[in-house]
PDB file of N, CA and C in Angstrom:
ATOM      1  N   MET A   1       9.437  -2.865   1.000  1.00  0.00           N
ATOM      2  CA  MET A   1       9.182  -3.147  -0.402  1.00  0.00           C
ATOM      3  C   MET A   1      10.214  -4.047  -0.912  1.00  0.00           C
ATOM      4  N   THR A   2      10.871  -3.619  -2.008  1.00  0.00           N
ATOM      5  CA  THR A   2      12.027  -4.502  -2.572  1.00  0.00           C
ATOM      6  C   THR A   2      13.285  -3.660  -2.586  1.00  0.00           C
ATOM      7  N   THR A   3      14.293  -4.386  -2.882  1.00  0.00           N
ATOM      8  CA  THR A   3      15.567  -3.632  -2.949  1.00  0.00           C
ATOM      9  C   THR A   3      15.688  -2.937  -4.310  1.00  0.00           C
ATOM     10  N   GLU A   4      14.839  -3.314  -5.342  1.00  0.00           N
ATOM     11  CA  GLU A   4      14.806  -2.660  -6.625  1.00  0.00           C
ATOM     12  C   GLU A   4      13.652  -1.650  -6.636  1.00  0.00           C
ATOM     13  N   GLU A   5      13.745  -0.602  -5.896  1.00  0.00           N
ATOM     14  CA  GLU A   5      12.686   0.404  -5.893  1.00  0.00           C
ATOM     15  C   GLU A   5      12.714   1.274  -7.124  1.00  0.00           C
ATOM     16  N   THR A   6      11.533   1.506  -7.645  1.00  0.00           N
ATOM     17  CA  THR A   6      11.445   2.319  -8.796  1.00  0.00           C
ATOM     18  C   THR A   6      10.860   3.748  -8.376  1.00  0.00           C
ATOM     19  N   ALA A   7      11.245   4.781  -9.012  1.00  0.00           N
ATOM     20  CA  ALA A   7      10.810   6.132  -8.670  1.00  0.00           C
ATOM     21  C   ALA A   7       9.326   6.253  -9.101  1.00  0.00           C
ATOM     22  N   LEU A   8       8.504   6.775  -8.248  1.00  0.00           N
ATOM     23  CA  LEU A   8       7.121   7.007  -8.495  1.00  0.00           C
ATOM     24  C   LEU A   8       6.997   8.481  -8.938  1.00  0.00           C
ATOM     25  N   SER A   9       6.303   8.778 -10.057  1.00  0.00           N
ATOM     26  CA  SER A   9       6.170  10.122 -10.497  1.00  0.00           C
ATOM     27  C   SER A   9       4.715  10.631 -10.615  1.00  0.00           C
ATOM     28  N   SER A  10       3.827   9.810 -10.136  1.00  0.00           N
ATOM     29  CA  SER A  10       2.432  10.186 -10.290  1.00  0.00           C
ATOM     30  C   SER A  10       1.562   9.475  -9.269  1.00  0.00           C
ATOM     31  N   GLU A  11       0.355  10.040  -8.958  1.00  0.00           N
ATOM     32  CA  GLU A  11      -0.593   9.448  -7.950  1.00  0.00           C
ATOM     33  C   GLU A  11      -1.001   8.068  -8.592  1.00  0.00           C
ATOM     34  N   ALA A  12      -1.151   7.938  -9.840  1.00  0.00           N
ATOM     35  CA  ALA A  12      -1.596   6.688 -10.539  1.00  0.00           C
ATOM     36  C   ALA A  12      -0.556   5.616 -10.197  1.00  0.00           C
ATOM     37  N   GLU A  13       0.712   5.965 -10.376  1.00  0.00           N
ATOM     38  CA  GLU A  13       1.863   4.914 -10.056  1.00  0.00           C
ATOM     39  C   GLU A  13       1.827   4.644  -8.662  1.00  0.00           C
ATOM     40  N   LEU A  14       1.621   5.484  -7.770  1.00  0.00           N
ATOM     41  CA  LEU A  14       1.506   5.205  -6.271  1.00  0.00           C
ATOM     42  C   LEU A  14       0.376   4.247  -6.031  1.00  0.00           C
ATOM     43  N   HIS A  15      -0.749   4.503  -6.714  1.00  0.00           N
ATOM     44  CA  HIS A  15      -1.940   3.584  -6.516  1.00  0.00           C
ATOM     45  C   HIS A  15      -1.644   2.183  -6.984  1.00  0.00           C
ATOM     46  N   ALA A  16      -1.027   2.023  -8.128  1.00  0.00           N
ATOM     47  CA  ALA A  16      -0.609   0.764  -8.776  1.00  0.00           C
ATOM     48  C   ALA A  16       0.279   0.027  -7.840  1.00  0.00           C
ATOM     49  N   GLU A  17       1.260   0.711  -7.347  1.00  0.00           N
ATOM     50  CA  GLU A  17       2.221   0.029  -6.380  1.00  0.00           C
ATOM     51  C   GLU A  17       1.545  -0.357  -5.104  1.00  0.00           C
ATOM     52  N   LEU A  18       0.607   0.382  -4.584  1.00  0.00           N
ATOM     53  CA  LEU A  18      -0.095   0.041  -3.307  1.00  0.00           C
ATOM     54  C   LEU A  18      -0.984  -1.168  -3.632  1.00  0.00           C
ATOM     55  N   LYS A  19      -1.703  -1.156  -4.778  1.00  0.00           N
ATOM     56  CA  LYS A  19      -2.502  -2.243  -5.067  1.00  0.00           C
ATOM     57  C   LYS A  19      -1.749  -3.561  -5.206  1.00  0.00           C
ATOM     58  N   ALA A  20      -0.644  -3.466  -5.905  1.00  0.00           N
ATOM     59  CA  ALA A  20       0.168  -4.677  -6.062  1.00  0.00           C
ATOM     60  C   ALA A  20       0.675  -5.170  -4.703  1.00  0.00           C
ATOM     61  N   LEU A  21       1.098  -4.238  -3.841  1.00  0.00           N
ATOM     62  CA  LEU A  21       1.650  -4.704  -2.518  1.00  0.00           C
ATOM     63  C   LEU A  21       0.533  -5.359  -1.666  1.00  0.00           C
ATOM     64  N   LEU A  22      -0.703  -4.804  -1.675  1.00  0.00           N
ATOM     65  CA  LEU A  22      -1.810  -5.389  -0.967  1.00  0.00           C
ATOM     66  C   LEU A  22      -2.234  -6.689  -1.478  1.00  0.00           C
ATOM     67  N   ARG A  23      -2.202  -6.815  -2.810  1.00  0.00           N
ATOM     68  CA  ARG A  23      -2.517  -8.071  -3.440  1.00  0.00           C
ATOM     69  C   ARG A  23      -1.643  -9.216  -2.986  1.00  0.00           C
ATOM     70  N   ARG A  24      -0.294  -8.870  -3.090  1.00  0.00           N
ATOM     71  CA  ARG A  24       0.797  -9.817  -2.727  1.00  0.00           C
ATOM     72  C   ARG A  24       0.569 -10.303  -1.229  1.00  0.00           C
ATOM     73  N   ALA A  25       0.365  -9.318  -0.376  1.00  0.00           N
ATOM     74  CA  ALA A  25       0.209  -9.683   1.069  1.00  0.00           C
ATOM     75  C   ALA A  25      -0.983 -10.563   1.218  1.00  0.00           C
ATOM     76  N   HIS A  26      -2.127 -10.178   0.642  1.00  0.00           N
ATOM     77  CA  HIS A  26      -3.425 -10.970   0.781  1.00  0.00           C
ATOM     78  C   HIS A  26      -3.171 -12.312   0.216  1.00  0.00           C
ATOM     79  N   ALA A  27      -2.466 -12.474  -0.924  1.00  0.00           N
ATOM     80  CA  ALA A  27      -2.256 -13.781  -1.583  1.00  0.00           C
ATOM     81  C   ALA A  27      -1.362 -14.667  -0.668  1.00  0.00           C
ATOM     82  N   ASN A  28      -0.587 -14.048   0.225  1.00  0.00           N
ATOM     83  CA  ASN A  28       0.313 -14.859   1.069  1.00  0.00           C
ATOM     84  C   ASN A  28      -0.147 -14.957   2.522  1.00  0.00           C
ATOM     85  N   GLY A  29      -1.530 -14.716   2.616  1.00  0.00           N
ATOM     86  CA  GLY A  29      -2.162 -14.918   3.971  1.00  0.00           C
ATOM     87  C   GLY A  29      -1.888 -13.902   4.996  1.00  0.00           C
ATOM     88  N   ILE A  30      -1.481 -12.730   4.532  1.00  0.00           N
ATOM     89  CA  ILE A  30      -1.236 -11.615   5.573  1.00  0.00           C
ATOM     90  C   ILE A  30      -2.569 -10.863   5.657  1.00  0.00           C
ATOM     91  N   ASP A  31      -2.897 -10.586   6.921  1.00  0.00           N
ATOM     92  CA  ASP A  31      -4.145  -9.748   7.175  1.00  0.00           C
ATOM     93  C   ASP A  31      -3.746  -8.300   6.903  1.00  0.00           C
ATOM     94  N   VAL A  32      -4.246  -7.674   5.832  1.00  0.00           N
ATOM     95  CA  VAL A  32      -3.839  -6.307   5.468  1.00  0.00           C
ATOM     96  C   VAL A  32      -4.648  -5.325   6.002  1.00  0.00           C
ATOM     97  N   GLU A  33      -5.750  -5.638   6.757  1.00  0.00           N
ATOM     98  CA  GLU A  33      -6.602  -4.681   7.265  1.00  0.00           C
ATOM     99  C   GLU A  33      -6.129  -4.267   8.637  1.00  0.00           C
ATOM    100  N   GLY A  34      -6.053  -2.939   8.885  1.00  0.00           N
ATOM    101  CA  GLY A  34      -5.543  -2.399  10.158  1.00  0.00           C
ATOM    102  C   GLY A  34      -4.822  -1.070  10.009  1.00  0.00           C
ATOM    103  N   GLY A  35      -4.100  -0.710  10.954  1.00  0.00           N
ATOM    104  CA  GLY A  35      -3.363   0.582  10.865  1.00  0.00           C
ATOM    105  C   GLY A  35      -1.917   0.425  11.353  1.00  0.00           C
ATOM    106  N   TRP A  36      -1.081   1.166  10.743  1.00  0.00           N
ATOM    107  CA  TRP A  36       0.373   1.116  11.014  1.00  0.00           C
ATOM    108  C   TRP A  36       0.884   2.538  10.956  1.00  0.00           C
ATOM    109  N   GLU A  37       1.890   2.792  11.880  1.00  0.00           N
ATOM    110  CA  GLU A  37       2.697   3.990  11.835  1.00  0.00           C
ATOM    111  C   GLU A  37       3.873   3.731  11.005  1.00  0.00           C
ATOM    112  N   CYS A  38       4.183   4.568  10.135  1.00  0.00           N
ATOM    113  CA  CYS A  38       5.285   4.459   9.280  1.00  0.00           C
ATOM    114  C   CYS A  38       6.358   5.625   9.672  1.00  0.00           C
ATOM    115  N   ARG A  39       7.329   5.211  10.518  1.00  0.00           N
ATOM    116  CA  ARG A  39       8.236   6.217  10.883  1.00  0.00           C
ATOM    117  C   ARG A  39       9.411   6.173   9.952  1.00  0.00           C
ATOM    118  N   ASN A  40       9.920   7.384   9.568  1.00  0.00           N
ATOM    119  CA  ASN A  40      10.865   7.561   8.515  1.00  0.00           C
ATOM    120  C   ASN A  40      12.192   8.287   8.880  1.00  0.00           C
ATOM    121  N   GLY A  41      12.441   8.371  10.178  1.00  0.00           N
ATOM    122  CA  GLY A  41      13.639   9.125  10.568  1.00  0.00           C
ATOM    123  C   GLY A  41      13.412  10.629  10.332  1.00  0.00           C
ATOM    124  N   THR A  42      14.549  11.350  10.461  1.00  0.00           N
ATOM    125  CA  THR A  42      14.494  12.819  10.366  1.00  0.00           C
ATOM    126  C   THR A  42      14.446  13.366   8.941  1.00  0.00           C
ATOM    127  N   GLU A  43      14.754  12.551   7.977  1.00  0.00           N
ATOM    128  CA  GLU A  43      14.836  13.080   6.589  1.00  0.00           C
ATOM    129  C   GLU A  43      13.533  13.144   5.887  1.00  0.00           C
ATOM    130  N   HIS A  44      12.516  12.333   6.319  1.00  0.00           N
ATOM    131  CA  HIS A  44      11.168  12.287   5.554  1.00  0.00           C
ATOM    132  C   HIS A  44      10.093  12.415   6.699  1.00  0.00           C
ATOM    133  N   PRO A  45       8.870  12.786   6.271  1.00  0.00           N
ATOM    134  CA  PRO A  45       7.738  12.887   7.179  1.00  0.00           C
ATOM    135  C   PRO A  45       7.342  11.412   7.607  1.00  0.00           C
ATOM    136  N   ASP A  46       6.700  11.372   8.700  1.00  0.00           N
ATOM    137  CA  ASP A  46       6.099  10.087   9.247  1.00  0.00           C
ATOM    138  C   ASP A  46       4.677  10.035   8.746  1.00  0.00           C
ATOM    139  N   TRP A  47       4.101   8.854   8.573  1.00  0.00           N
ATOM    140  CA  TRP A  47       2.694   8.759   8.170  1.00  0.00           C
ATOM    141  C   TRP A  47       2.010   7.690   8.989  1.00  0.00           C
ATOM    142  N   ASP A  48       0.715   7.782   9.109  1.00  0.00           N
ATOM    143  CA  ASP A  48      -0.141   6.723   9.667  1.00  0.00           C
ATOM    144  C   ASP A  48      -0.939   6.211   8.543  1.00  0.00           C
ATOM    145  N   VAL A  49      -0.743   4.890   8.342  1.00  0.00           N
ATOM    146  CA  VAL A  49      -1.522   4.199   7.221  1.00  0.00           C
ATOM    147  C   VAL A  49      -2.601   3.325   7.821  1.00  0.00           C
ATOM    148  N   ILE A  50      -3.857   3.548   7.265  1.00  0.00           N
ATOM    149  CA  ILE A  50      -4.988   2.744   7.702  1.00  0.00           C
ATOM    150  C   ILE A  50      -5.611   2.066   6.434  1.00  0.00           C
ATOM    151  N   VAL A  51      -5.760   0.730   6.590  1.00  0.00           N
ATOM    152  CA  VAL A  51      -6.294  -0.072   5.462  1.00  0.00           C
ATOM    153  C   VAL A  51      -7.560  -0.708   5.885  1.00  0.00           C
ATOM    154  N   THR A  52      -8.654  -0.517   5.181  1.00  0.00           N
ATOM    155  CA  THR A  52      -9.950  -1.126   5.504  1.00  0.00           C
ATOM    156  C   THR A  52     -10.444  -1.793   4.308  1.00  0.00           C
ATOM    157  N   GLU A  53     -11.143  -2.939   4.430  1.00  0.00           N
ATOM    158  CA  GLU A  53     -11.656  -3.653   3.353  1.00  0.00           C
ATOM    159  C   GLU A  53     -13.027  -2.910   2.931  1.00  0.00           C
ATOM    160  N   VAL A  54     -13.303  -2.759   1.738  1.00  0.00           N
ATOM    161  CA  VAL A  54     -14.548  -2.112   1.324  1.00  0.00           C
ATOM    162  C   VAL A  54     -15.364  -3.150   0.434  1.00  0.00           C
ATOM    163  N   GLU A  55     -16.710  -2.950   0.443  1.00  0.00           N
ATOM    164  CA  GLU A  55     -17.624  -3.757  -0.343  1.00  0.00           C
ATOM    165  C   GLU A  55     -17.305  -3.537  -1.799  1.00  0.00           C
ATOM    166  N   LYS A  56     -17.309  -4.606  -2.564  1.00  0.00           N
ATOM    167  CA  LYS A  56     -17.110  -4.518  -3.999  1.00  0.00           C
ATOM    168  C   LYS A  56     -18.389  -3.857  -4.617  1.00  0.00           C
ATOM    169  N   ASN A  57     -18.173  -2.965  -5.640  1.00  0.00           N
ATOM    170  CA  ASN A  57     -19.187  -2.261  -6.340  1.00  0.00           C
ATOM    171  C   ASN A  57     -19.722  -2.961  -7.495  1.00  0.00           C
ATOM    172  N   GLY A  58     -19.301  -4.196  -7.800  1.00  0.00           N
ATOM    173  CA  GLY A  58     -19.852  -4.943  -8.934  1.00  0.00           C
ATOM    174  C   GLY A  58     -19.021  -4.772 -10.226  1.00  0.00           C
ATOM    175  N   GLU A  59     -18.143  -3.782 -10.228  1.00  0.00           N
ATOM    176  CA  GLU A  59     -17.280  -3.671 -11.451  1.00  0.00           C
ATOM    177  C   GLU A  59     -15.960  -4.347 -11.134  1.00  0.00           C
ATOM    178  N   SER A  60     -15.286  -4.945 -12.096  1.00  0.00           N
ATOM    179  CA  SER A  60     -14.082  -5.605 -11.884  1.00  0.00           C
ATOM    180  C   SER A  60     -12.957  -4.700 -12.548  1.00  0.00           C
ATOM    181  N   GLU A  61     -11.754  -4.738 -11.918  1.00  0.00           N
ATOM    182  CA  GLU A  61     -10.631  -3.958 -12.527  1.00  0.00           C
ATOM    183  C   GLU A  61      -9.610  -4.957 -13.084  1.00  0.00           C
TER     184      GLU A  61
END
């Protein structure tokens, strides 16, 4: 992410941060579809992140 990380305190804030990250990556030509292991050392849990493109539902956000 960035060196100026902000504390997230809700699921809505997490969703907004993920959306912003994926939009920036897509805008810069990065293929954001796929899976990644996110290893975090002994202090935090590890995660498996999977991103798939979904069909738009006709509503805009």
